[in-house]
Structure formats: structure tokens, C-alpha cells
C-alpha atoms as a PDB file:
ATOM      1  CA  MET A   1      -0.092  -0.038  -0.489  1.00  0.00           C
ATOM      2  CA  THR A   2       1.494   2.856  -1.251  1.00  0.00           C
ATOM      3  CA  ASP A   3      -0.079   6.966  -0.245  1.00  0.00           C
ATOM      4  CA  THR A   4      -0.636   8.288  -3.195  1.00  0.00           C
ATOM      5  CA  SER A   5      -1.071  11.773  -2.461  1.00  0.00           C
ATOM      6  CA  ALA A   6       2.694  11.737  -1.054  1.00  0.00           C
ATOM      7  CA  ALA A   7       3.576   9.838  -4.354  1.00  0.00           C
ATOM      8  CA  ASP A   8       2.212  12.062  -6.109  1.00  0.00           C
ATOM      9  CA  GLN A   9       4.127  15.440  -4.050  1.00  0.00           C
ATOM     10  CA  ARG A  10       7.430  13.931  -4.044  1.00  0.00           C
ATOM     11  CA  ARG A  11       7.631  13.775  -8.386  1.00  0.00           C
ATOM     12  CA  THR A  12       4.946  17.957  -8.147  1.00  0.00           C
ATOM     13  CA  ALA A  13       7.042  19.622  -5.311  1.00  0.00           C
ATOM     14  CA  SER A  14      10.101  22.175  -6.242  1.00  0.00           C
ATOM     15  CA  ARG A  15      12.108  21.271  -2.559  1.00  0.00           C
ATOM     16  CA  PRO A  16      14.570  19.115  -1.840  1.00  0.00           C
ATOM     17  CA  HIS A  17      13.559  15.820  -1.495  1.00  0.00           C
ATOM     18  CA  ILE A  18      14.385  13.352   1.067  1.00  0.00           C
ATOM     19  CA  LEU A  19      13.481  10.006   1.455  1.00  0.00           C
ATOM     20  CA  VAL A  20      14.514   8.414   4.456  1.00  0.00           C
ATOM     21  CA  GLY A  21      13.691   4.847   5.467  1.00  0.00           C
ATOM     22  CA  ILE A  22      12.375   3.852   8.574  1.00  0.00           C
ATOM     23  CA  ASP A  23      11.737  -0.466  10.410  1.00  0.00           C
ATOM     24  CA  GLY A  24      10.917   1.276  14.510  1.00  0.00           C
ATOM     25  CA  SER A  25      14.757   0.952  15.156  1.00  0.00           C
ATOM     26  CA  ALA A  26      16.754   3.338  17.519  1.00  0.00           C
ATOM     27  CA  GLY A  27      18.650   3.949  13.679  1.00  0.00           C
ATOM     28  CA  SER A  28      15.105   4.686  11.688  1.00  0.00           C
ATOM     29  CA  LEU A  29      14.735   7.450  14.778  1.00  0.00           C
ATOM     30  CA  ALA A  30      18.111   8.898  13.714  1.00  0.00           C
ATOM     31  CA  ALA A  31      17.652   8.899  10.612  1.00  0.00           C
ATOM     32  CA  LEU A  32      13.675  10.318  10.519  1.00  0.00           C
ATOM     33  CA  ARG A  33      15.843  12.847  13.148  1.00  0.00           C
ATOM     34  CA  GLN A  34      18.618  14.247  10.844  1.00  0.00           C
ATOM     35  CA  ALA A  35      16.621  14.310   7.853  1.00  0.00           C
ATOM     36  CA  GLN A  36      14.507  17.141  10.135  1.00  0.00           C
ATOM     37  CA  VAL A  37      17.171  19.021   9.946  1.00  0.00           C
ATOM     38  CA  LEU A  38      18.459  18.575   6.926  1.00  0.00           C
ATOM     39  CA  ALA A  39      15.161  19.362   5.822  1.00  0.00           C
ATOM     40  CA  THR A  40      14.347  22.557   7.610  1.00  0.00           C
ATOM     41  CA  ALA A  41      18.049  24.188   6.140  1.00  0.00           C
ATOM     42  CA  LEU A  42      16.805  22.987   3.157  1.00  0.00           C
ATOM     43  CA  SER A  43      13.498  24.697   2.900  1.00  0.00           C
ATOM     44  CA  GLY A  44      12.744  20.418   1.673  1.00  0.00           C
ATOM     45  CA  SER A  45      10.432  18.077   2.275  1.00  0.00           C
ATOM     46  CA  VAL A  46      10.543  14.360   4.063  1.00  0.00           C
ATOM     47  CA  GLU A  47       8.616  11.429   3.155  1.00  0.00           C
ATOM     48  CA  ALA A  48       9.158   8.796   5.438  1.00  0.00           C
ATOM     49  CA  VAL A  49       8.657   5.244   4.334  1.00  0.00           C
ATOM     50  CA  CYS A  50       8.298   2.412   5.896  1.00  0.00           C
ATOM     51  CA  ILE A  51       8.481  -1.313   3.864  1.00  0.00           C
ATOM     52  CA  TRP A  52       6.797  -4.740   5.089  1.00  0.00           C
ATOM     53  CA  GLU A  53       6.857  -8.038   3.701  1.00  0.00           C
ATOM     54  CA  TYR A  54       6.009 -11.411   4.352  1.00  0.00           C
ATOM     55  CA  PRO A  55       8.428 -13.558   6.722  1.00  0.00           C
ATOM     56  CA  ALA A  56       9.430 -16.748   4.304  1.00  0.00           C
ATOM     57  CA  THR A  57       7.444 -18.609   6.871  1.00  0.00           C
ATOM     58  CA  VAL A  58       3.635 -18.041   8.613  1.00  0.00           C
ATOM     59  CA  VAL A  59       3.568 -20.715  11.332  1.00  0.00           C
ATOM     60  CA  GLY A  60       2.157 -19.832  14.459  1.00  0.00           C
ATOM     61  CA  LEU A  61       1.213 -16.127  12.351  1.00  0.00           C
ATOM     62  CA  VAL A  62      -2.675 -16.952  11.951  1.00  0.00           C
ATOM     63  CA  GLU A  63      -3.865 -12.525  11.607  1.00  0.00           C
ATOM     64  CA  TRP A  64      -1.395 -10.449  10.763  1.00  0.00           C
ATOM     65  CA  SER A  65      -1.112  -7.458   8.780  1.00  0.00           C
ATOM     66  CA  GLY A  66       2.167  -6.660   7.630  1.00  0.00           C
ATOM     67  CA  ALA A  67       0.415  -3.049   6.563  1.00  0.00           C
ATOM     68  CA  ALA A  68      -1.107  -2.147   9.014  1.00  0.00           C
ATOM     69  CA  ASP A  69       2.411  -2.780  11.713  1.00  0.00           C
ATOM     70  CA  ALA A  70       4.573  -0.703   9.169  1.00  0.00           C
ATOM     71  CA  ARG A  71       1.624   1.827   9.854  1.00  0.00           C
ATOM     72  CA  ALA A  72       2.304   2.064  13.746  1.00  0.00           C
ATOM     73  CA  ILE A  73       5.613   1.786  13.281  1.00  0.00           C
ATOM     74  CA  LEU A  74       5.727   4.663  11.360  1.00  0.00           C
ATOM     75  CA  ASP A  75       2.627   7.275  12.752  1.00  0.00           C
ATOM     76  CA  ASP A  76       4.714   5.925  16.228  1.00  0.00           C
ATOM     77  CA  ALA A  77       8.578   7.206  14.143  1.00  0.00           C
ATOM     78  CA  VAL A  78       6.904  10.190  13.317  1.00  0.00           C
ATOM     79  CA  ALA A  79       5.458  11.610  16.144  1.00  0.00           C
ATOM     80  CA  VAL A  80       8.225  10.661  18.231  1.00  0.00           C
ATOM     81  CA  GLU A  81       9.935  13.285  15.672  1.00  0.00           C
ATOM     82  CA  PHE A  82       7.140  16.375  14.657  1.00  0.00           C
ATOM     83  CA  GLY A  83       4.593  15.098  17.149  1.00  0.00           C
ATOM     84  CA  SER A  84       0.616  14.690  17.054  1.00  0.00           C
ATOM     85  CA  THR A  85       0.593  16.660  14.087  1.00  0.00           C
ATOM     86  CA  PRO A  86       3.720  16.905  11.901  1.00  0.00           C
ATOM     87  CA  PRO A  87       4.349  19.607   9.452  1.00  0.00           C
ATOM     88  CA  SER A  88       2.569  19.540   5.687  1.00  0.00           C
ATOM     89  CA  TRP A  89       6.102  18.993   4.348  1.00  0.00           C
ATOM     90  CA  VAL A  90       6.428  15.017   5.557  1.00  0.00           C
ATOM     91  CA  GLN A  91       4.315  12.117   4.194  1.00  0.00           C
ATOM     92  CA  LYS A  92       4.092   9.417   4.923  1.00  0.00           C
ATOM     93  CA  THR A  93       4.928   6.506   3.064  1.00  0.00           C
ATOM     94  CA  VAL A  94       3.963   2.836   3.381  1.00  0.00           C
ATOM     95  CA  ILE A  95       4.960   0.050   0.497  1.00  0.00           C
ATOM     96  CA  GLU A  96       4.256  -3.699   0.769  1.00  0.00           C
ATOM     97  CA  GLY A  97       8.435  -5.259  -0.055  1.00  0.00           C
ATOM     98  CA  GLY A  98      11.810  -6.143   0.265  1.00  0.00           C
ATOM     99  CA  PRO A  99      13.037  -2.915   2.566  1.00  0.00           C
ATOM    100  CA  ALA A 100      16.104  -2.507  -0.059  1.00  0.00           C
ATOM    101  CA  ARG A 101      15.404  -2.892  -2.952  1.00  0.00           C
ATOM    102  CA  SER A 102      12.126  -0.535  -2.491  1.00  0.00           C
ATOM    103  CA  LEU A 103      15.003   2.381  -1.235  1.00  0.00           C
ATOM    104  CA  VAL A 104      16.114   1.973  -4.054  1.00  0.00           C
ATOM    105  CA  GLU A 105      12.914   2.092  -6.319  1.00  0.00           C
ATOM    106  CA  LEU A 106      12.142   5.200  -4.487  1.00  0.00           C
ATOM    107  CA  SER A 107      16.011   7.114  -5.025  1.00  0.00           C
ATOM    108  CA  ALA A 108      15.385   6.879  -8.750  1.00  0.00           C
ATOM    109  CA  ASP A 109      12.870  10.417  -6.903  1.00  0.00           C
ATOM    110  CA  ALA A 110      14.936  11.424  -4.336  1.00  0.00           C
ATOM    111  CA  ASP A 111      17.246  14.276  -3.282  1.00  0.00           C
ATOM    112  CA  LEU A 112      18.806  12.614  -0.821  1.00  0.00           C
ATOM    113  CA  LEU A 113      17.960   9.564   0.894  1.00  0.00           C
ATOM    114  CA  VAL A 114      18.103   8.838   5.116  1.00  0.00           C
ATOM    115  CA  VAL A 115      18.436   5.241   6.232  1.00  0.00           C
ATOM    116  CA  GLY A 116      20.120   4.600   9.960  1.00  0.00           C
ATOM    117  CA  SER A 117      23.237   2.038  10.105  1.00  0.00           C
ATOM    118  CA  ARG A 118      22.228  -0.760  11.966  1.00  0.00           C
ATOM    119  CA  GLY A 119      17.477  -1.118  12.029  1.00  0.00           C
ATOM    120  CA  HIS A 120      16.366  -4.584  13.964  1.00  0.00           C
ATOM    121  CA  GLY A 121      17.479  -7.662  12.596  1.00  0.00           C
ATOM    122  CA  GLY A 122      21.101  -8.663  11.217  1.00  0.00           C
ATOM    123  CA  PHE A 123      24.035  -9.638  13.398  1.00  0.00           C
ATOM    124  CA  ALA A 124      24.343  -6.384  16.042  1.00  0.00           C
ATOM    125  CA  GLY A 125      28.260  -6.303  15.628  1.00  0.00           C
ATOM    126  CA  LEU A 126      28.032  -5.594  11.352  1.00  0.00           C
ATOM    127  CA  LEU A 127      28.444  -1.909  11.574  1.00  0.00           C
ATOM    128  CA  LEU A 128      26.545  -1.330   8.623  1.00  0.00           C
ATOM    129  CA  GLY A 129      22.726  -3.294   8.051  1.00  0.00           C
ATOM    130  CA  SER A 130      22.386  -5.317   4.631  1.00  0.00           C
ATOM    131  CA  VAL A 131      19.522  -3.264   3.722  1.00  0.00           C
ATOM    132  CA  SER A 132      22.328   0.425   4.443  1.00  0.00           C
ATOM    133  CA  SER A 133      24.565  -1.158   2.508  1.00  0.00           C
ATOM    134  CA  VAL A 134      22.818  -1.968  -0.261  1.00  0.00           C
ATOM    135  CA  CYS A 135      21.414   1.559  -0.386  1.00  0.00           C
ATOM    136  CA  ALA A 136      24.874   2.993  -0.306  1.00  0.00           C
ATOM    137  CA  GLU A 137      26.197   1.031  -3.447  1.00  0.00           C
ATOM    138  CA  HIS A 138      22.337   1.506  -5.760  1.00  0.00           C
ATOM    139  CA  SER A 139      20.834   4.150  -4.861  1.00  0.00           C
ATOM    140  CA  SER A 140      19.668   6.110  -7.893  1.00  0.00           C
ATOM    141  CA  CYS A 141      20.714  10.085  -5.650  1.00  0.00           C
ATOM    142  CA  PRO A 142      23.307  10.601  -2.494  1.00  0.00           C
ATOM    143  CA  VAL A 143      22.291   8.418   0.819  1.00  0.00           C
ATOM    144  CA  LEU A 144      23.289   9.393   3.985  1.00  0.00           C
ATOM    145  CA  ILE A 145      24.059   6.579   6.485  1.00  0.00           C
ATOM    146  CA  VAL A 146      23.341   7.608   9.850  1.00  0.00           C
ATOM    147  CA  HIS A 147      24.949   6.189  13.045  1.00  0.00           C
ATOM    148  CA  GLY A 148      24.350   6.274  17.142  1.00  0.00           C
ATOM    149  CA  GLU A 149      22.780   9.324  17.802  1.00  0.00           C
ATOM    150  CA  LYS A 150      24.583  12.015  16.955  1.00  0.00           C
ATOM    151  CA  ILE A 151      22.605  14.541  14.834  1.00  0.00           C
ATOM    152  CA  LEU A 152      24.304  17.549  12.415  1.00  0.00           C
ATOM    153  CA  SER A 153      22.118  20.301  14.281  1.00  0.00           C
ATOM    154  CA  ARG A 154      21.706  23.315  11.317  1.00  0.00           C
ATOM    155  CA  SER A 155      23.905  25.464  13.057  1.00  0.00           C
ATOM    156  CA  ALA A 156      26.930  23.481  12.081  1.00  0.00           C
ATOM    157  CA  MET A 157      26.040  24.033   9.055  1.00  0.00           C
END
């Protein structure tokens, strides 16, 4: 499920468009926070994207709505960073698919893609997660990979 209004606004906006991958992890919240700082400084827009896919095995999952879970994760993340009423320049998009592949595809319409260095899953000792690695290698726009909680402030620009 994609919010068509976000896709339409992404194509017609004259302001820089910053795409952010959200999975509910601390890294993705830091990425959203950094995107907010950059969008404010550049008079840009932010599209927060949560991508979901059915697990390879669904044993024990009687009723599960990946889209509803993704929407809840995205709504919570945006509320944490922007409050209960986000500004008009913030859009939320939920997509079914593979996270890395979907972000790479969406990067064709973005000026910048921001992701956290580590999301949910994977091996904690790795410096980069598989999604951030694929995005860094294959995206159509520049990619900012946010490590830790330190955010470049607007005053530092």
C-alpha cells in the first residue's frame, strides 16, 4: 500500500526531497531526526517510508497485518520526531516489498536517502546493516547513513 498523495507530492515538489527508511529501530529514528534537520535547513520535504514484507515462514501467525503494523511503526516514529500533527512537508508512505530494493527504487525520485546504520535484525557487531549497504551501493541519489545518536545540527551547517 502506497500513499498516492505522497508519491504525487514527491514528483511535483520543487523543494529538495529527502527520503527516510523507517523500521522503528533507534537507528531509523536517528535517521528521521537527521532528515528533519536537513529538510528544515534546505526548505525541503521529508518522506518517511516504512516497508514491510511477509515473513518466509508464517507458522503460528494466524492473523497478521503487515501493512497495519508498518503504519503503526511509521505513525509512532513520526509522532516522536514531529509531534501529533507533523508539518505539511512531512509525508508518510507504507509499502509492501523488500526494504533495500524498495528504497533503491524510491531513490530515483529523491534528492537524498537517509537510513540508520543498523535496523532490526542482522548481527549486532556489523557496522552497516544489509539495507544500508545495498542503499549505499545502488541508490540513484546520495545516501546518508546515520551512525549512533549524534545529529548534525542546523547551526553546524
